[in-house]
Amino acid sequence: MTFTEIVHNSPEYQQTLALRERVLRIPLGLKLSDIDTDDEDQQLHFAIFDEWSLLACVVAKPLGSGAVKLRQMAVCPQQQGKGVGRHLLEFVEDALRQIGFQRIEMSARQSAIGFYEKLGYRTSGGFYIEQGIPHIKMQR
């Protein structure tokens, strides 16, 4: 597995868009929209590849004051449950610390809370609906 930072609008970025739509939107009967990708040229993009195959990706949106928001994390369905998501987050956290970020936030789907808690993230506040499903704020 190879961890890499992705350049916006590169062929690899286009692969991440396809994975994000397949994993995060199509199961909800939705498509990845312009709102989902707005200002992504101002954000950081990370992925794990196995040779040329994209296994997982995530976007990091700088918030200021040493904080960053992880968003649109997607793991290829065939790779879920195999530690790929955990490896991606470990790599991303290290890369973000090296850049100077001290706090990581996210809006986690209710179904993913346990995954993030195992990696040290904690919930904050109550549930809210985003994209038609329950989410909760988490941070580390």
N, C-alpha and C. Protein backbone atom coordinates (compact mmCIF):
# COMPACT_ATOMS: atom_id res chain seq x y z
N MET A 1 0.83 -1.19 0.00
CA MET A 1 0.00 0.00 0.00
C MET A 1 0.88 1.25 0.00
N THR A 2 0.47 2.20 -0.80
CA THR A 2 1.20 3.46 -0.90
C THR A 2 0.29 4.61 -0.52
N PHE A 3 0.71 5.38 0.47
CA PHE A 3 -0.01 6.57 0.91
C PHE A 3 0.50 7.75 0.12
N THR A 4 -0.40 8.60 -0.35
CA THR A 4 0.03 9.75 -1.13
C THR A 4 -0.92 10.93 -0.95
N GLU A 5 -0.36 12.13 -1.14
CA GLU A 5 -1.21 13.31 -1.22
C GLU A 5 -1.56 13.49 -2.69
N ILE A 6 -2.82 13.77 -2.95
CA ILE A 6 -3.35 13.88 -4.30
C ILE A 6 -3.42 15.35 -4.72
N VAL A 7 -3.08 15.63 -5.95
CA VAL A 7 -3.19 16.98 -6.51
C VAL A 7 -4.61 17.17 -7.04
N HIS A 8 -5.22 18.28 -6.69
CA HIS A 8 -6.57 18.60 -7.16
C HIS A 8 -6.63 18.57 -8.69
N ASN A 9 -7.68 18.00 -9.21
CA ASN A 9 -7.96 17.88 -10.65
C ASN A 9 -7.01 16.96 -11.41
N SER A 10 -6.17 16.21 -10.71
CA SER A 10 -5.30 15.23 -11.36
C SER A 10 -6.10 13.98 -11.69
N PRO A 11 -5.56 13.07 -12.48
CA PRO A 11 -6.26 11.80 -12.74
C PRO A 11 -6.56 11.04 -11.44
N GLU A 12 -5.66 11.11 -10.46
CA GLU A 12 -5.89 10.44 -9.19
C GLU A 12 -7.05 11.08 -8.44
N TYR A 13 -7.14 12.42 -8.52
CA TYR A 13 -8.26 13.12 -7.91
C TYR A 13 -9.58 12.66 -8.54
N GLN A 14 -9.59 12.50 -9.85
CA GLN A 14 -10.79 12.03 -10.53
C GLN A 14 -11.18 10.64 -10.03
N GLN A 15 -10.20 9.79 -9.74
CA GLN A 15 -10.47 8.47 -9.17
C GLN A 15 -11.12 8.60 -7.79
N THR A 16 -10.64 9.56 -7.00
CA THR A 16 -11.22 9.73 -5.66
C THR A 16 -12.67 10.20 -5.76
N LEU A 17 -12.97 11.05 -6.74
CA LEU A 17 -14.36 11.49 -6.93
C LEU A 17 -15.26 10.30 -7.22
N ALA A 18 -14.79 9.41 -8.10
CA ALA A 18 -15.59 8.23 -8.45
C ALA A 18 -15.80 7.33 -7.24
N LEU A 19 -14.76 7.13 -6.42
CA LEU A 19 -14.90 6.28 -5.22
C LEU A 19 -15.84 6.94 -4.21
N ARG A 20 -15.69 8.23 -4.00
CA ARG A 20 -16.56 8.93 -3.06
C ARG A 20 -18.01 8.84 -3.48
N GLU A 21 -18.28 9.00 -4.76
CA GLU A 21 -19.67 8.89 -5.23
C GLU A 21 -20.19 7.47 -5.04
N ARG A 22 -19.37 6.48 -5.39
CA ARG A 22 -19.80 5.07 -5.28
C ARG A 22 -20.07 4.67 -3.83
N VAL A 23 -19.22 5.11 -2.91
CA VAL A 23 -19.33 4.68 -1.51
C VAL A 23 -20.24 5.57 -0.68
N LEU A 24 -20.18 6.89 -0.89
CA LEU A 24 -20.86 7.83 -0.01
C LEU A 24 -22.19 8.36 -0.55
N ARG A 25 -22.40 8.35 -1.83
CA ARG A 25 -23.61 8.96 -2.37
C ARG A 25 -24.58 7.94 -3.00
N ILE A 26 -24.11 7.10 -3.88
CA ILE A 26 -25.01 6.17 -4.58
C ILE A 26 -25.84 5.32 -3.61
N PRO A 27 -25.26 4.79 -2.51
CA PRO A 27 -26.10 4.01 -1.57
C PRO A 27 -27.25 4.82 -0.96
N LEU A 28 -27.14 6.15 -0.97
CA LEU A 28 -28.19 7.02 -0.45
C LEU A 28 -29.13 7.51 -1.56
N GLY A 29 -28.91 7.02 -2.79
CA GLY A 29 -29.71 7.47 -3.92
C GLY A 29 -29.33 8.86 -4.38
N LEU A 30 -28.09 9.28 -4.10
CA LEU A 30 -27.62 10.62 -4.44
C LEU A 30 -26.43 10.55 -5.40
N LYS A 31 -26.05 11.71 -5.91
CA LYS A 31 -24.85 11.85 -6.71
C LYS A 31 -23.93 12.86 -6.02
N LEU A 32 -22.64 12.73 -6.26
CA LEU A 32 -21.70 13.72 -5.77
C LEU A 32 -22.02 15.04 -6.47
N SER A 33 -22.20 16.09 -5.71
CA SER A 33 -22.65 17.36 -6.28
C SER A 33 -21.54 18.41 -6.24
N ASP A 34 -21.83 19.54 -6.88
CA ASP A 34 -20.90 20.66 -6.84
C ASP A 34 -20.69 21.16 -5.41
N ILE A 35 -21.72 21.05 -4.58
CA ILE A 35 -21.60 21.45 -3.17
C ILE A 35 -20.57 20.56 -2.47
N ASP A 36 -20.57 19.26 -2.80
CA ASP A 36 -19.62 18.33 -2.20
C ASP A 36 -18.18 18.66 -2.56
N THR A 37 -17.97 19.22 -3.74
CA THR A 37 -16.61 19.47 -4.23
C THR A 37 -16.23 20.95 -4.26
N ASP A 38 -17.11 21.81 -3.77
CA ASP A 38 -16.85 23.24 -3.77
C ASP A 38 -15.59 23.56 -2.97
N ASP A 39 -14.74 24.37 -3.51
CA ASP A 39 -13.50 24.83 -2.86
C ASP A 39 -12.49 23.71 -2.60
N GLU A 40 -12.62 22.56 -3.25
CA GLU A 40 -11.66 21.49 -3.01
C GLU A 40 -10.27 21.81 -3.53
N ASP A 41 -10.15 22.82 -4.37
CA ASP A 41 -8.82 23.26 -4.80
C ASP A 41 -8.07 23.92 -3.64
N GLN A 42 -8.79 24.28 -2.57
CA GLN A 42 -8.22 24.90 -1.38
C GLN A 42 -8.00 23.88 -0.25
N GLN A 43 -8.27 22.59 -0.54
CA GLN A 43 -8.20 21.56 0.49
C GLN A 43 -7.12 20.53 0.15
N LEU A 44 -6.81 19.70 1.13
CA LEU A 44 -5.79 18.66 0.96
C LEU A 44 -6.48 17.33 0.67
N HIS A 45 -5.90 16.55 -0.22
CA HIS A 45 -6.49 15.28 -0.64
C HIS A 45 -5.47 14.17 -0.42
N PHE A 46 -5.91 13.10 0.26
CA PHE A 46 -5.02 11.99 0.57
C PHE A 46 -5.65 10.68 0.11
N ALA A 47 -4.80 9.72 -0.22
CA ALA A 47 -5.31 8.42 -0.67
C ALA A 47 -4.30 7.32 -0.40
N ILE A 48 -4.81 6.10 -0.41
CA ILE A 48 -3.98 4.91 -0.37
C ILE A 48 -4.24 4.13 -1.65
N PHE A 49 -3.15 3.76 -2.31
CA PHE A 49 -3.22 2.96 -3.53
C PHE A 49 -2.51 1.63 -3.31
N ASP A 50 -2.96 0.61 -4.00
CA ASP A 50 -2.28 -0.68 -4.10
C ASP A 50 -1.92 -0.80 -5.56
N GLU A 51 -0.62 -0.58 -5.87
CA GLU A 51 -0.19 -0.46 -7.26
C GLU A 51 -0.94 0.73 -7.85
N TRP A 52 -1.85 0.51 -8.82
CA TRP A 52 -2.60 1.60 -9.45
C TRP A 52 -4.04 1.67 -8.97
N SER A 53 -4.45 0.76 -8.11
CA SER A 53 -5.84 0.72 -7.64
C SER A 53 -6.03 1.60 -6.41
N LEU A 54 -7.01 2.48 -6.47
CA LEU A 54 -7.35 3.32 -5.33
C LEU A 54 -8.08 2.48 -4.29
N LEU A 55 -7.58 2.48 -3.06
CA LEU A 55 -8.20 1.71 -1.98
C LEU A 55 -9.05 2.59 -1.06
N ALA A 56 -8.59 3.82 -0.81
CA ALA A 56 -9.30 4.70 0.12
C ALA A 56 -8.84 6.14 -0.09
N CYS A 57 -9.71 7.07 0.32
CA CYS A 57 -9.35 8.49 0.18
C CYS A 57 -10.06 9.31 1.24
N VAL A 58 -9.55 10.51 1.47
CA VAL A 58 -10.16 11.45 2.40
C VAL A 58 -9.71 12.87 2.02
N VAL A 59 -10.56 13.84 2.31
CA VAL A 59 -10.27 15.25 2.06
C VAL A 59 -10.08 15.94 3.41
N ALA A 60 -9.11 16.85 3.50
CA ALA A 60 -8.86 17.61 4.73
C ALA A 60 -9.03 19.09 4.43
N LYS A 61 -9.97 19.72 5.12
CA LYS A 61 -10.29 21.13 4.91
C LYS A 61 -9.72 21.96 6.06
N PRO A 62 -8.70 22.79 5.80
CA PRO A 62 -8.17 23.65 6.86
C PRO A 62 -9.25 24.61 7.37
N LEU A 63 -9.33 24.74 8.71
CA LEU A 63 -10.33 25.60 9.34
C LEU A 63 -9.72 26.85 9.96
N GLY A 64 -8.42 26.88 10.10
CA GLY A 64 -7.76 27.98 10.79
C GLY A 64 -7.51 27.61 12.24
N SER A 65 -6.69 28.38 12.92
CA SER A 65 -6.36 28.16 14.34
C SER A 65 -5.86 26.75 14.61
N GLY A 66 -5.12 26.17 13.68
CA GLY A 66 -4.53 24.85 13.88
C GLY A 66 -5.49 23.70 13.75
N ALA A 67 -6.69 23.95 13.23
CA ALA A 67 -7.71 22.90 13.10
C ALA A 67 -7.93 22.56 11.63
N VAL A 68 -8.33 21.31 11.41
CA VAL A 68 -8.64 20.81 10.08
C VAL A 68 -9.85 19.90 10.19
N LYS A 69 -10.68 19.88 9.16
CA LYS A 69 -11.86 19.01 9.16
C LYS A 69 -11.67 17.93 8.11
N LEU A 70 -11.74 16.67 8.56
CA LEU A 70 -11.72 15.56 7.62
C LEU A 70 -13.12 15.40 7.05
N ARG A 71 -13.20 15.14 5.75
CA ARG A 71 -14.49 14.99 5.10
C ARG A 71 -14.39 14.01 3.94
N GLN A 72 -15.52 13.45 3.61
CA GLN A 72 -15.64 12.58 2.44
C GLN A 72 -14.67 11.40 2.46
N MET A 73 -14.48 10.77 3.63
CA MET A 73 -13.62 9.59 3.68
C MET A 73 -14.36 8.41 3.07
N ALA A 74 -13.69 7.72 2.16
CA ALA A 74 -14.30 6.57 1.49
C ALA A 74 -13.27 5.46 1.36
N VAL A 75 -13.71 4.24 1.66
CA VAL A 75 -12.88 3.04 1.50
C VAL A 75 -13.58 2.13 0.50
N CYS A 76 -12.81 1.65 -0.46
CA CYS A 76 -13.35 0.73 -1.47
C CYS A 76 -14.09 -0.40 -0.75
N PRO A 77 -15.32 -0.73 -1.15
CA PRO A 77 -16.10 -1.76 -0.44
C PRO A 77 -15.36 -3.08 -0.24
N GLN A 78 -14.56 -3.50 -1.21
CA GLN A 78 -13.82 -4.76 -1.08
C GLN A 78 -12.70 -4.68 -0.05
N GLN A 79 -12.34 -3.46 0.37
CA GLN A 79 -11.25 -3.27 1.34
C GLN A 79 -11.76 -2.95 2.74
N GLN A 80 -13.05 -2.74 2.89
CA GLN A 80 -13.60 -2.39 4.20
C GLN A 80 -13.43 -3.56 5.16
N GLY A 81 -13.06 -3.23 6.38
CA GLY A 81 -12.84 -4.25 7.40
C GLY A 81 -11.45 -4.87 7.36
N LYS A 82 -10.57 -4.39 6.51
CA LYS A 82 -9.22 -4.94 6.37
C LYS A 82 -8.12 -4.02 6.90
N GLY A 83 -8.51 -2.94 7.58
CA GLY A 83 -7.53 -2.03 8.16
C GLY A 83 -7.09 -0.90 7.25
N VAL A 84 -7.62 -0.83 6.04
CA VAL A 84 -7.20 0.21 5.10
C VAL A 84 -7.61 1.60 5.62
N GLY A 85 -8.84 1.74 6.11
CA GLY A 85 -9.29 3.02 6.65
C GLY A 85 -8.44 3.47 7.83
N ARG A 86 -8.11 2.53 8.71
CA ARG A 86 -7.25 2.84 9.86
C ARG A 86 -5.88 3.32 9.39
N HIS A 87 -5.30 2.61 8.41
CA HIS A 87 -4.00 3.03 7.88
C HIS A 87 -4.07 4.42 7.26
N LEU A 88 -5.13 4.67 6.50
CA LEU A 88 -5.28 5.99 5.89
C LEU A 88 -5.32 7.08 6.95
N LEU A 89 -6.13 6.88 7.99
CA LEU A 89 -6.22 7.90 9.04
C LEU A 89 -4.89 8.09 9.76
N GLU A 90 -4.18 7.02 10.03
CA GLU A 90 -2.88 7.14 10.69
C GLU A 90 -1.92 7.97 9.83
N PHE A 91 -1.88 7.69 8.54
CA PHE A 91 -1.01 8.44 7.63
C PHE A 91 -1.44 9.91 7.55
N VAL A 92 -2.74 10.14 7.44
CA VAL A 92 -3.26 11.50 7.32
C VAL A 92 -2.97 12.30 8.59
N GLU A 93 -3.22 11.70 9.75
CA GLU A 93 -2.96 12.39 11.01
C GLU A 93 -1.50 12.79 11.10
N ASP A 94 -0.59 11.91 10.73
CA ASP A 94 0.84 12.21 10.77
C ASP A 94 1.17 13.34 9.80
N ALA A 95 0.65 13.27 8.58
CA ALA A 95 0.91 14.31 7.58
C ALA A 95 0.37 15.66 8.05
N LEU A 96 -0.82 15.66 8.63
CA LEU A 96 -1.41 16.91 9.10
C LEU A 96 -0.63 17.50 10.27
N ARG A 97 -0.13 16.64 11.17
CA ARG A 97 0.70 17.14 12.28
C ARG A 97 1.98 17.78 11.74
N GLN A 98 2.57 17.15 10.72
CA GLN A 98 3.81 17.70 10.14
C GLN A 98 3.57 19.06 9.49
N ILE A 99 2.38 19.28 8.96
CA ILE A 99 2.02 20.56 8.36
C ILE A 99 1.78 21.61 9.45
N GLY A 100 1.38 21.16 10.66
CA GLY A 100 1.16 22.08 11.76
C GLY A 100 -0.24 22.08 12.35
N PHE A 101 -1.10 21.19 11.91
CA PHE A 101 -2.43 21.11 12.48
C PHE A 101 -2.38 20.37 13.82
N GLN A 102 -3.11 20.90 14.81
CA GLN A 102 -3.14 20.26 16.13
C GLN A 102 -4.47 19.60 16.44
N ARG A 103 -5.54 20.01 15.77
CA ARG A 103 -6.87 19.47 16.08
C ARG A 103 -7.54 18.99 14.79
N ILE A 104 -8.14 17.81 14.86
CA ILE A 104 -8.84 17.24 13.72
C ILE A 104 -10.31 17.08 14.09
N GLU A 105 -11.18 17.58 13.22
CA GLU A 105 -12.63 17.48 13.42
C GLU A 105 -13.24 16.72 12.25
N MET A 106 -14.46 16.27 12.43
CA MET A 106 -15.20 15.63 11.34
C MET A 106 -16.67 15.55 11.69
N SER A 107 -17.47 15.32 10.66
CA SER A 107 -18.89 14.98 10.82
C SER A 107 -18.97 13.50 10.47
N ALA A 108 -19.15 12.66 11.47
CA ALA A 108 -19.14 11.21 11.26
C ALA A 108 -20.55 10.66 11.13
N ARG A 109 -20.70 9.77 10.18
CA ARG A 109 -21.98 9.07 10.08
C ARG A 109 -22.16 8.24 11.35
N GLN A 110 -23.40 8.10 11.77
CA GLN A 110 -23.69 7.34 12.98
C GLN A 110 -23.10 5.93 12.89
N SER A 111 -23.13 5.34 11.71
CA SER A 111 -22.63 3.98 11.52
C SER A 111 -21.11 3.88 11.66
N ALA A 112 -20.39 5.00 11.62
CA ALA A 112 -18.93 4.98 11.68
C ALA A 112 -18.37 5.41 13.03
N ILE A 113 -19.22 5.74 13.99
CA ILE A 113 -18.75 6.25 15.28
C ILE A 113 -17.78 5.28 15.95
N GLY A 114 -18.13 4.01 16.01
CA GLY A 114 -17.26 3.02 16.66
C GLY A 114 -15.88 2.95 16.03
N PHE A 115 -15.82 3.02 14.72
CA PHE A 115 -14.54 3.01 14.00
C PHE A 115 -13.66 4.17 14.46
N TYR A 116 -14.22 5.37 14.47
CA TYR A 116 -13.44 6.55 14.85
C TYR A 116 -13.10 6.54 16.34
N GLU A 117 -14.01 6.07 17.19
CA GLU A 117 -13.71 6.01 18.62
C GLU A 117 -12.52 5.09 18.89
N LYS A 118 -12.40 3.99 18.19
CA LYS A 118 -11.26 3.08 18.36
C LYS A 118 -9.94 3.76 18.03
N LEU A 119 -10.01 4.81 17.21
CA LEU A 119 -8.80 5.53 16.81
C LEU A 119 -8.58 6.80 17.64
N GLY A 120 -9.35 6.96 18.72
CA GLY A 120 -9.12 8.06 19.64
C GLY A 120 -9.99 9.29 19.44
N TYR A 121 -10.93 9.25 18.52
CA TYR A 121 -11.83 10.38 18.31
C TYR A 121 -12.97 10.33 19.32
N ARG A 122 -13.46 11.50 19.70
CA ARG A 122 -14.55 11.60 20.67
C ARG A 122 -15.69 12.40 20.08
N THR A 123 -16.91 12.00 20.44
CA THR A 123 -18.10 12.71 19.97
C THR A 123 -18.25 14.03 20.70
N SER A 124 -18.95 14.95 20.05
CA SER A 124 -19.21 16.27 20.62
C SER A 124 -20.60 16.70 20.17
N GLY A 125 -21.47 17.01 21.13
CA GLY A 125 -22.81 17.45 20.79
C GLY A 125 -23.73 16.29 20.45
N GLY A 126 -24.85 16.62 19.85
CA GLY A 126 -25.85 15.63 19.51
C GLY A 126 -25.88 15.32 18.02
N PHE A 127 -26.75 14.39 17.67
CA PHE A 127 -26.89 13.98 16.28
C PHE A 127 -27.62 15.04 15.48
N TYR A 128 -27.31 15.12 14.21
CA TYR A 128 -27.99 15.99 13.26
C TYR A 128 -28.05 15.25 11.92
N ILE A 129 -28.91 15.69 11.05
CA ILE A 129 -29.09 15.02 9.76
C ILE A 129 -28.29 15.75 8.69
N GLU A 130 -27.49 14.99 7.97
CA GLU A 130 -26.71 15.50 6.85
C GLU A 130 -26.81 14.46 5.74
N GLN A 131 -27.12 14.87 4.54
CA GLN A 131 -27.32 13.96 3.42
C GLN A 131 -28.40 12.92 3.72
N GLY A 132 -29.34 13.29 4.58
CA GLY A 132 -30.46 12.42 4.89
C GLY A 132 -30.20 11.35 5.92
N ILE A 133 -29.01 11.34 6.54
CA ILE A 133 -28.70 10.32 7.55
C ILE A 133 -28.07 10.98 8.79
N PRO A 134 -28.17 10.30 9.97
CA PRO A 134 -27.62 10.88 11.20
C PRO A 134 -26.09 10.99 11.18
N HIS A 135 -25.60 12.12 11.63
CA HIS A 135 -24.18 12.39 11.79
C HIS A 135 -23.97 12.98 13.19
N ILE A 136 -22.72 12.94 13.63
CA ILE A 136 -22.34 13.59 14.89
C ILE A 136 -20.94 14.17 14.72
N LYS A 137 -20.68 15.28 15.39
CA LYS A 137 -19.35 15.87 15.33
C LYS A 137 -18.40 15.03 16.18
N MET A 138 -17.19 14.86 15.66
CA MET A 138 -16.15 14.13 16.39
C MET A 138 -14.87 14.93 16.25
N GLN A 139 -13.97 14.74 17.21
CA GLN A 139 -12.69 15.44 17.15
C GLN A 139 -11.62 14.67 17.90
N ARG A 140 -10.40 15.04 17.59
CA ARG A 140 -9.23 14.47 18.25
C ARG A 140 -8.19 15.55 18.38
